[in-house]
Amino acid sequence: MLKKNVGSLDRIIRIALGIALIAGFFLNSGASFGWLYLVAGSIALATGVMSSCALYSIIGISTRKLEK
């Protein structure tokens, strides 16, 4: 299981951005690099929903507040 390292605001932004990018893929399906919208949107949405970012873990960053 991945360690949760994504804070509340970061999580909201990732979910909103993921939904917007996936919607952009379906609205511009004829674009030559439209699949990048789908890939980036899926990654942003998944990391937002799971509250865990592998890149943050590698770098050692956490936007989550410390629990007492």
PDB file of N, CA and C in Angstrom:
ATOM      1  N   MET A   1       0.843  -1.178   0.000  1.00  0.00           N
ATOM      2  CA  MET A   1       0.000   0.000   0.000  1.00  0.00           C
ATOM      3  C   MET A   1       0.889   1.242   0.000  1.00  0.00           C
ATOM      4  N   LEU A   2       0.532   2.194  -0.803  1.00  0.00           N
ATOM      5  CA  LEU A   2       1.295   3.433  -0.874  1.00  0.00           C
ATOM      6  C   LEU A   2       0.970   4.346   0.304  1.00  0.00           C
ATOM      7  N   LYS A   3       1.985   5.064   0.750  1.00  0.00           N
ATOM      8  CA  LYS A   3       1.813   5.996   1.852  1.00  0.00           C
ATOM      9  C   LYS A   3       1.045   7.222   1.359  1.00  0.00           C
ATOM     10  N   LYS A   4       0.073   7.683   2.141  1.00  0.00           N
ATOM     11  CA  LYS A   4      -0.699   8.859   1.770  1.00  0.00           C
ATOM     12  C   LYS A   4       0.159  10.100   1.984  1.00  0.00           C
ATOM     13  N   ASN A   5       0.370  10.864   0.901  1.00  0.00           N
ATOM     14  CA  ASN A   5       1.219  12.046   0.986  1.00  0.00           C
ATOM     15  C   ASN A   5       0.646  13.232   0.219  1.00  0.00           C
ATOM     16  N   VAL A   6      -0.651  13.188  -0.098  1.00  0.00           N
ATOM     17  CA  VAL A   6      -1.306  14.264  -0.825  1.00  0.00           C
ATOM     18  C   VAL A   6      -2.323  14.917   0.102  1.00  0.00           C
ATOM     19  N   GLY A   7      -2.177  16.230   0.313  1.00  0.00           N
ATOM     20  CA  GLY A   7      -3.056  16.975   1.202  1.00  0.00           C
ATOM     21  C   GLY A   7      -4.413  17.271   0.585  1.00  0.00           C
ATOM     22  N   SER A   8      -5.286  17.893   1.371  1.00  0.00           N
ATOM     23  CA  SER A   8      -6.661  18.143   0.948  1.00  0.00           C
ATOM     24  C   SER A   8      -6.760  19.053  -0.270  1.00  0.00           C
ATOM     25  N   LEU A   9      -6.100  20.209  -0.236  1.00  0.00           N
ATOM     26  CA  LEU A   9      -6.167  21.140  -1.364  1.00  0.00           C
ATOM     27  C   LEU A   9      -5.527  20.531  -2.607  1.00  0.00           C
ATOM     28  N   ASP A  10      -4.394  19.897  -2.426  1.00  0.00           N
ATOM     29  CA  ASP A  10      -3.704  19.226  -3.530  1.00  0.00           C
ATOM     30  C   ASP A  10      -4.605  18.161  -4.143  1.00  0.00           C
ATOM     31  N   ARG A  11      -5.306  17.447  -3.298  1.00  0.00           N
ATOM     32  CA  ARG A  11      -6.206  16.385  -3.729  1.00  0.00           C
ATOM     33  C   ARG A  11      -7.365  16.930  -4.560  1.00  0.00           C
ATOM     34  N   ILE A  12      -7.963  18.022  -4.101  1.00  0.00           N
ATOM     35  CA  ILE A  12      -9.079  18.647  -4.825  1.00  0.00           C
ATOM     36  C   ILE A  12      -8.621  19.133  -6.194  1.00  0.00           C
ATOM     37  N   ILE A  13      -7.454  19.754  -6.231  1.00  0.00           N
ATOM     38  CA  ILE A  13      -6.919  20.260  -7.501  1.00  0.00           C
ATOM     39  C   ILE A  13      -6.644  19.110  -8.463  1.00  0.00           C
ATOM     40  N   ARG A  14      -6.069  18.024  -7.972  1.00  0.00           N
ATOM     41  CA  ARG A  14      -5.759  16.870  -8.830  1.00  0.00           C
ATOM     42  C   ARG A  14      -7.032  16.241  -9.401  1.00  0.00           C
ATOM     43  N   ILE A  15      -8.052  16.100  -8.572  1.00  0.00           N
ATOM     44  CA  ILE A  15      -9.304  15.498  -9.036  1.00  0.00           C
ATOM     45  C   ILE A  15      -9.971  16.389 -10.076  1.00  0.00           C
ATOM     46  N   ALA A  16     -10.034  17.699  -9.811  1.00  0.00           N
ATOM     47  CA  ALA A  16     -10.647  18.624 -10.770  1.00  0.00           C
ATOM     48  C   ALA A  16      -9.865  18.661 -12.084  1.00  0.00           C
ATOM     49  N   LEU A  17      -8.547  18.703 -11.992  1.00  0.00           N
ATOM     50  CA  LEU A  17      -7.709  18.715 -13.189  1.00  0.00           C
ATOM     51  C   LEU A  17      -7.847  17.411 -13.972  1.00  0.00           C
ATOM     52  N   GLY A  18      -7.910  16.301 -13.260  1.00  0.00           N
ATOM     53  CA  GLY A  18      -8.069  15.001 -13.918  1.00  0.00           C
ATOM     54  C   GLY A  18      -9.381  14.910 -14.679  1.00  0.00           C
ATOM     55  N   ILE A  19     -10.465  15.360 -14.053  1.00  0.00           N
ATOM     56  CA  ILE A  19     -11.764  15.339 -14.723  1.00  0.00           C
ATOM     57  C   ILE A  19     -11.759  16.260 -15.933  1.00  0.00           C
ATOM     58  N   ALA A  20     -11.152  17.444 -15.801  1.00  0.00           N
ATOM     59  CA  ALA A  20     -11.093  18.399 -16.917  1.00  0.00           C
ATOM     60  C   ALA A  20     -10.279  17.842 -18.079  1.00  0.00           C
ATOM     61  N   LEU A  21      -9.154  17.206 -17.799  1.00  0.00           N
ATOM     62  CA  LEU A  21      -8.326  16.648 -18.874  1.00  0.00           C
ATOM     63  C   LEU A  21      -9.014  15.470 -19.573  1.00  0.00           C
ATOM     64  N   ILE A  22      -9.678  14.636 -18.812  1.00  0.00           N
ATOM     65  CA  ILE A  22     -10.398  13.515 -19.416  1.00  0.00           C
ATOM     66  C   ILE A  22     -11.552  14.036 -20.268  1.00  0.00           C
ATOM     67  N   ALA A  23     -12.258  15.052 -19.780  1.00  0.00           N
ATOM     68  CA  ALA A  23     -13.326  15.670 -20.583  1.00  0.00           C
ATOM     69  C   ALA A  23     -12.745  16.289 -21.846  1.00  0.00           C
ATOM     70  N   GLY A  24     -11.576  16.911 -21.749  1.00  0.00           N
ATOM     71  CA  GLY A  24     -10.912  17.481 -22.913  1.00  0.00           C
ATOM     72  C   GLY A  24     -10.573  16.425 -23.950  1.00  0.00           C
ATOM     73  N   PHE A  25     -10.224  15.253 -23.495  1.00  0.00           N
ATOM     74  CA  PHE A  25      -9.944  14.149 -24.426  1.00  0.00           C
ATOM     75  C   PHE A  25     -11.186  13.797 -25.236  1.00  0.00           C
ATOM     76  N   PHE A  26     -12.323  13.680 -24.550  1.00  0.00           N
ATOM     77  CA  PHE A  26     -13.549  13.296 -25.246  1.00  0.00           C
ATOM     78  C   PHE A  26     -14.095  14.429 -26.109  1.00  0.00           C
ATOM     79  N   LEU A  27     -13.868  15.669 -25.721  1.00  0.00           N
ATOM     80  CA  LEU A  27     -14.349  16.798 -26.513  1.00  0.00           C
ATOM     81  C   LEU A  27     -13.477  17.062 -27.734  1.00  0.00           C
ATOM     82  N   ASN A  28     -12.185  16.745 -27.649  1.00  0.00           N
ATOM     83  CA  ASN A  28     -11.249  16.937 -28.757  1.00  0.00           C
ATOM     84  C   ASN A  28     -10.666  15.600 -29.197  1.00  0.00           C
ATOM     85  N   SER A  29     -11.517  14.645 -29.453  1.00  0.00           N
ATOM     86  CA  SER A  29     -11.025  13.301 -29.767  1.00  0.00           C
ATOM     87  C   SER A  29     -10.277  13.230 -31.098  1.00  0.00           C
ATOM     88  N   GLY A  30     -10.421  14.236 -31.957  1.00  0.00           N
ATOM     89  CA  GLY A  30      -9.730  14.226 -33.236  1.00  0.00           C
ATOM     90  C   GLY A  30      -8.337  14.815 -33.188  1.00  0.00           C
ATOM     91  N   ALA A  31      -7.914  15.327 -32.045  1.00  0.00           N
ATOM     92  CA  ALA A  31      -6.591  15.944 -31.921  1.00  0.00           C
ATOM     93  C   ALA A  31      -5.500  14.890 -32.067  1.00  0.00           C
ATOM     94  N   SER A  32      -4.372  15.303 -32.644  1.00  0.00           N
ATOM     95  CA  SER A  32      -3.309  14.339 -32.913  1.00  0.00           C
ATOM     96  C   SER A  32      -2.677  13.777 -31.640  1.00  0.00           C
ATOM     97  N   PHE A  33      -2.543  14.594 -30.615  1.00  0.00           N
ATOM     98  CA  PHE A  33      -1.984  14.109 -29.349  1.00  0.00           C
ATOM     99  C   PHE A  33      -3.041  14.133 -28.250  1.00  0.00           C
ATOM    100  N   GLY A  34      -4.279  13.899 -28.603  1.00  0.00           N
ATOM    101  CA  GLY A  34      -5.383  13.907 -27.647  1.00  0.00           C
ATOM    102  C   GLY A  34      -5.263  12.836 -26.578  1.00  0.00           C
ATOM    103  N   TRP A  35      -4.578  11.750 -26.895  1.00  0.00           N
ATOM    104  CA  TRP A  35      -4.425  10.667 -25.922  1.00  0.00           C
ATOM    105  C   TRP A  35      -3.613  11.114 -24.706  1.00  0.00           C
ATOM    106  N   LEU A  36      -2.798  12.167 -24.873  1.00  0.00           N
ATOM    107  CA  LEU A  36      -2.044  12.691 -23.727  1.00  0.00           C
ATOM    108  C   LEU A  36      -2.981  13.265 -22.670  1.00  0.00           C
ATOM    109  N   TYR A  37      -4.092  13.853 -23.131  1.00  0.00           N
ATOM    110  CA  TYR A  37      -5.098  14.347 -22.186  1.00  0.00           C
ATOM    111  C   TYR A  37      -5.634  13.199 -21.340  1.00  0.00           C
ATOM    112  N   LEU A  38      -5.914  12.091 -21.988  1.00  0.00           N
ATOM    113  CA  LEU A  38      -6.461  10.937 -21.276  1.00  0.00           C
ATOM    114  C   LEU A  38      -5.448  10.364 -20.289  1.00  0.00           C
ATOM    115  N   VAL A  39      -4.206  10.230 -20.676  1.00  0.00           N
ATOM    116  CA  VAL A  39      -3.172   9.677 -19.801  1.00  0.00           C
ATOM    117  C   VAL A  39      -2.923  10.603 -18.612  1.00  0.00           C
ATOM    118  N   ALA A  40      -2.700  11.889 -18.890  1.00  0.00           N
ATOM    119  CA  ALA A  40      -2.433  12.849 -17.810  1.00  0.00           C
ATOM    120  C   ALA A  40      -3.632  12.984 -16.888  1.00  0.00           C
ATOM    121  N   GLY A  41      -4.826  12.998 -17.457  1.00  0.00           N
ATOM    122  CA  GLY A  41      -6.038  13.094 -16.645  1.00  0.00           C
ATOM    123  C   GLY A  41      -6.240  11.884 -15.761  1.00  0.00           C
ATOM    124  N   SER A  42      -5.958  10.717 -16.298  1.00  0.00           N
ATOM    125  CA  SER A  42      -6.102   9.489 -15.512  1.00  0.00           C
ATOM    126  C   SER A  42      -5.114   9.444 -14.353  1.00  0.00           C
ATOM    127  N   ILE A  43      -3.884   9.877 -14.603  1.00  0.00           N
ATOM    128  CA  ILE A  43      -2.880   9.897 -13.542  1.00  0.00           C
ATOM    129  C   ILE A  43      -3.265  10.903 -12.460  1.00  0.00           C
ATOM    130  N   ALA A  44      -3.677  12.098 -12.873  1.00  0.00           N
ATOM    131  CA  ALA A  44      -4.074  13.126 -11.899  1.00  0.00           C
ATOM    132  C   ALA A  44      -5.274  12.669 -11.085  1.00  0.00           C
ATOM    133  N   LEU A  45      -6.262  12.084 -11.741  1.00  0.00           N
ATOM    134  CA  LEU A  45      -7.454  11.612 -11.043  1.00  0.00           C
ATOM    135  C   LEU A  45      -7.123  10.468 -10.085  1.00  0.00           C
ATOM    136  N   ALA A  46      -6.304   9.535 -10.519  1.00  0.00           N
ATOM    137  CA  ALA A  46      -5.950   8.392  -9.671  1.00  0.00           C
ATOM    138  C   ALA A  46      -5.164   8.830  -8.434  1.00  0.00           C
ATOM    139  N   THR A  47      -4.189   9.724  -8.613  1.00  0.00           N
ATOM    140  CA  THR A  47      -3.404  10.165  -7.453  1.00  0.00           C
ATOM    141  C   THR A  47      -4.254  10.994  -6.506  1.00  0.00           C
ATOM    142  N   GLY A  48      -5.227  11.725  -7.043  1.00  0.00           N
ATOM    143  CA  GLY A  48      -6.120  12.495  -6.185  1.00  0.00           C
ATOM    144  C   GLY A  48      -7.057  11.613  -5.387  1.00  0.00           C
ATOM    145  N   VAL A  49      -7.609  10.608  -6.028  1.00  0.00           N
ATOM    146  CA  VAL A  49      -8.545   9.706  -5.349  1.00  0.00           C
ATOM    147  C   VAL A  49      -7.821   8.852  -4.308  1.00  0.00           C
ATOM    148  N   MET A  50      -6.610   8.385  -4.630  1.00  0.00           N
ATOM    149  CA  MET A  50      -5.870   7.521  -3.700  1.00  0.00           C
ATOM    150  C   MET A  50      -5.104   8.303  -2.634  1.00  0.00           C
ATOM    151  N   SER A  51      -5.005   9.637  -2.778  1.00  0.00           N
ATOM    152  CA  SER A  51      -4.245  10.495  -1.854  1.00  0.00           C
ATOM    153  C   SER A  51      -2.783  10.091  -1.758  1.00  0.00           C
ATOM    154  N   SER A  52      -2.262   9.551  -2.827  1.00  0.00           N
ATOM    155  CA  SER A  52      -0.885   9.087  -2.833  1.00  0.00           C
ATOM    156  C   SER A  52      -0.251   9.370  -4.185  1.00  0.00           C
ATOM    157  N   CYS A  53       0.955   9.942  -4.158  1.00  0.00           N
ATOM    158  CA  CYS A  53       1.672  10.264  -5.383  1.00  0.00           C
ATOM    159  C   CYS A  53       3.047   9.599  -5.314  1.00  0.00           C
ATOM    160  N   ALA A  54       3.341   8.743  -6.286  1.00  0.00           N
ATOM    161  CA  ALA A  54       4.619   8.035  -6.310  1.00  0.00           C
ATOM    162  C   ALA A  54       5.787   9.000  -6.477  1.00  0.00           C
ATOM    163  N   LEU A  55       5.608  10.041  -7.286  1.00  0.00           N
ATOM    164  CA  LEU A  55       6.667  11.024  -7.489  1.00  0.00           C
ATOM    165  C   LEU A  55       6.981  11.757  -6.186  1.00  0.00           C
ATOM    166  N   TYR A  56       5.942  12.106  -5.420  1.00  0.00           N
ATOM    167  CA  TYR A  56       6.159  12.735  -4.113  1.00  0.00           C
ATOM    168  C   TYR A  56       6.962  11.803  -3.200  1.00  0.00           C
ATOM    169  N   SER A  57       6.670  10.509  -3.249  1.00  0.00           N
ATOM    170  CA  SER A  57       7.390   9.540  -2.415  1.00  0.00           C
ATOM    171  C   SER A  57       8.865   9.465  -2.794  1.00  0.00           C
ATOM    172  N   ILE A  58       9.153   9.497  -4.085  1.00  0.00           N
ATOM    173  CA  ILE A  58      10.538   9.429  -4.551  1.00  0.00           C
ATOM    174  C   ILE A  58      11.309  10.667  -4.122  1.00  0.00           C
ATOM    175  N   ILE A  59      10.678  11.839  -4.262  1.00  0.00           N
ATOM    176  CA  ILE A  59      11.344  13.099  -3.936  1.00  0.00           C
ATOM    177  C   ILE A  59      11.361  13.348  -2.427  1.00  0.00           C
ATOM    178  N   GLY A  60      10.398  12.780  -1.706  1.00  0.00           N
ATOM    179  CA  GLY A  60      10.327  12.971  -0.264  1.00  0.00           C
ATOM    180  C   GLY A  60       9.447  14.141   0.145  1.00  0.00           C
ATOM    181  N   ILE A  61       8.480  14.477  -0.692  1.00  0.00           N
ATOM    182  CA  ILE A  61       7.566  15.595  -0.419  1.00  0.00           C
ATOM    183  C   ILE A  61       6.246  15.052   0.110  1.00  0.00           C
ATOM    184  N   SER A  62       5.608  15.812   0.995  1.00  0.00           N
ATOM    185  CA  SER A  62       4.266  15.491   1.453  1.00  0.00           C
ATOM    186  C   SER A  62       3.510  16.798   1.673  1.00  0.00           C
ATOM    187  N   THR A  63       2.316  16.902   1.086  1.00  0.00           N
ATOM    188  CA  THR A  63       1.478  18.082   1.307  1.00  0.00           C
ATOM    189  C   THR A  63       0.399  17.792   2.332  1.00  0.00           C
ATOM    190  N   ARG A  64       0.433  16.623   2.903  1.00  0.00           N
ATOM    191  CA  ARG A  64      -0.551  16.207   3.905  1.00  0.00           C
ATOM    192  C   ARG A  64      -0.125  16.725   5.266  1.00  0.00           C
ATOM    193  N   LYS A  65      -1.116  17.176   6.048  1.00  0.00           N
ATOM    194  CA  LYS A  65      -0.817  17.645   7.403  1.00  0.00           C
ATOM    195  C   LYS A  65      -0.434  16.468   8.282  1.00  0.00           C
ATOM    196  N   LEU A  66       0.442  16.735   9.222  1.00  0.00           N
ATOM    197  CA  LEU A  66       0.879  15.685  10.148  1.00  0.00           C
ATOM    198  C   LEU A  66      -0.250  15.327  11.104  1.00  0.00           C
ATOM    199  N   GLU A  67      -0.404  14.031  11.352  1.00  0.00           N
ATOM    200  CA  GLU A  67      -1.419  13.567  12.291  1.00  0.00           C
ATOM    201  C   GLU A  67      -0.832  13.513  13.692  1.00  0.00           C
ATOM    202  N   LYS A  68      -1.652  13.810  14.671  1.00  0.00           N
ATOM    203  CA  LYS A  68      -1.190  13.787  16.075  1.00  0.00           C
ATOM    204  C   LYS A  68      -1.347  12.437  16.681  1.00  0.00           C
TER     205      LYS A  68
END
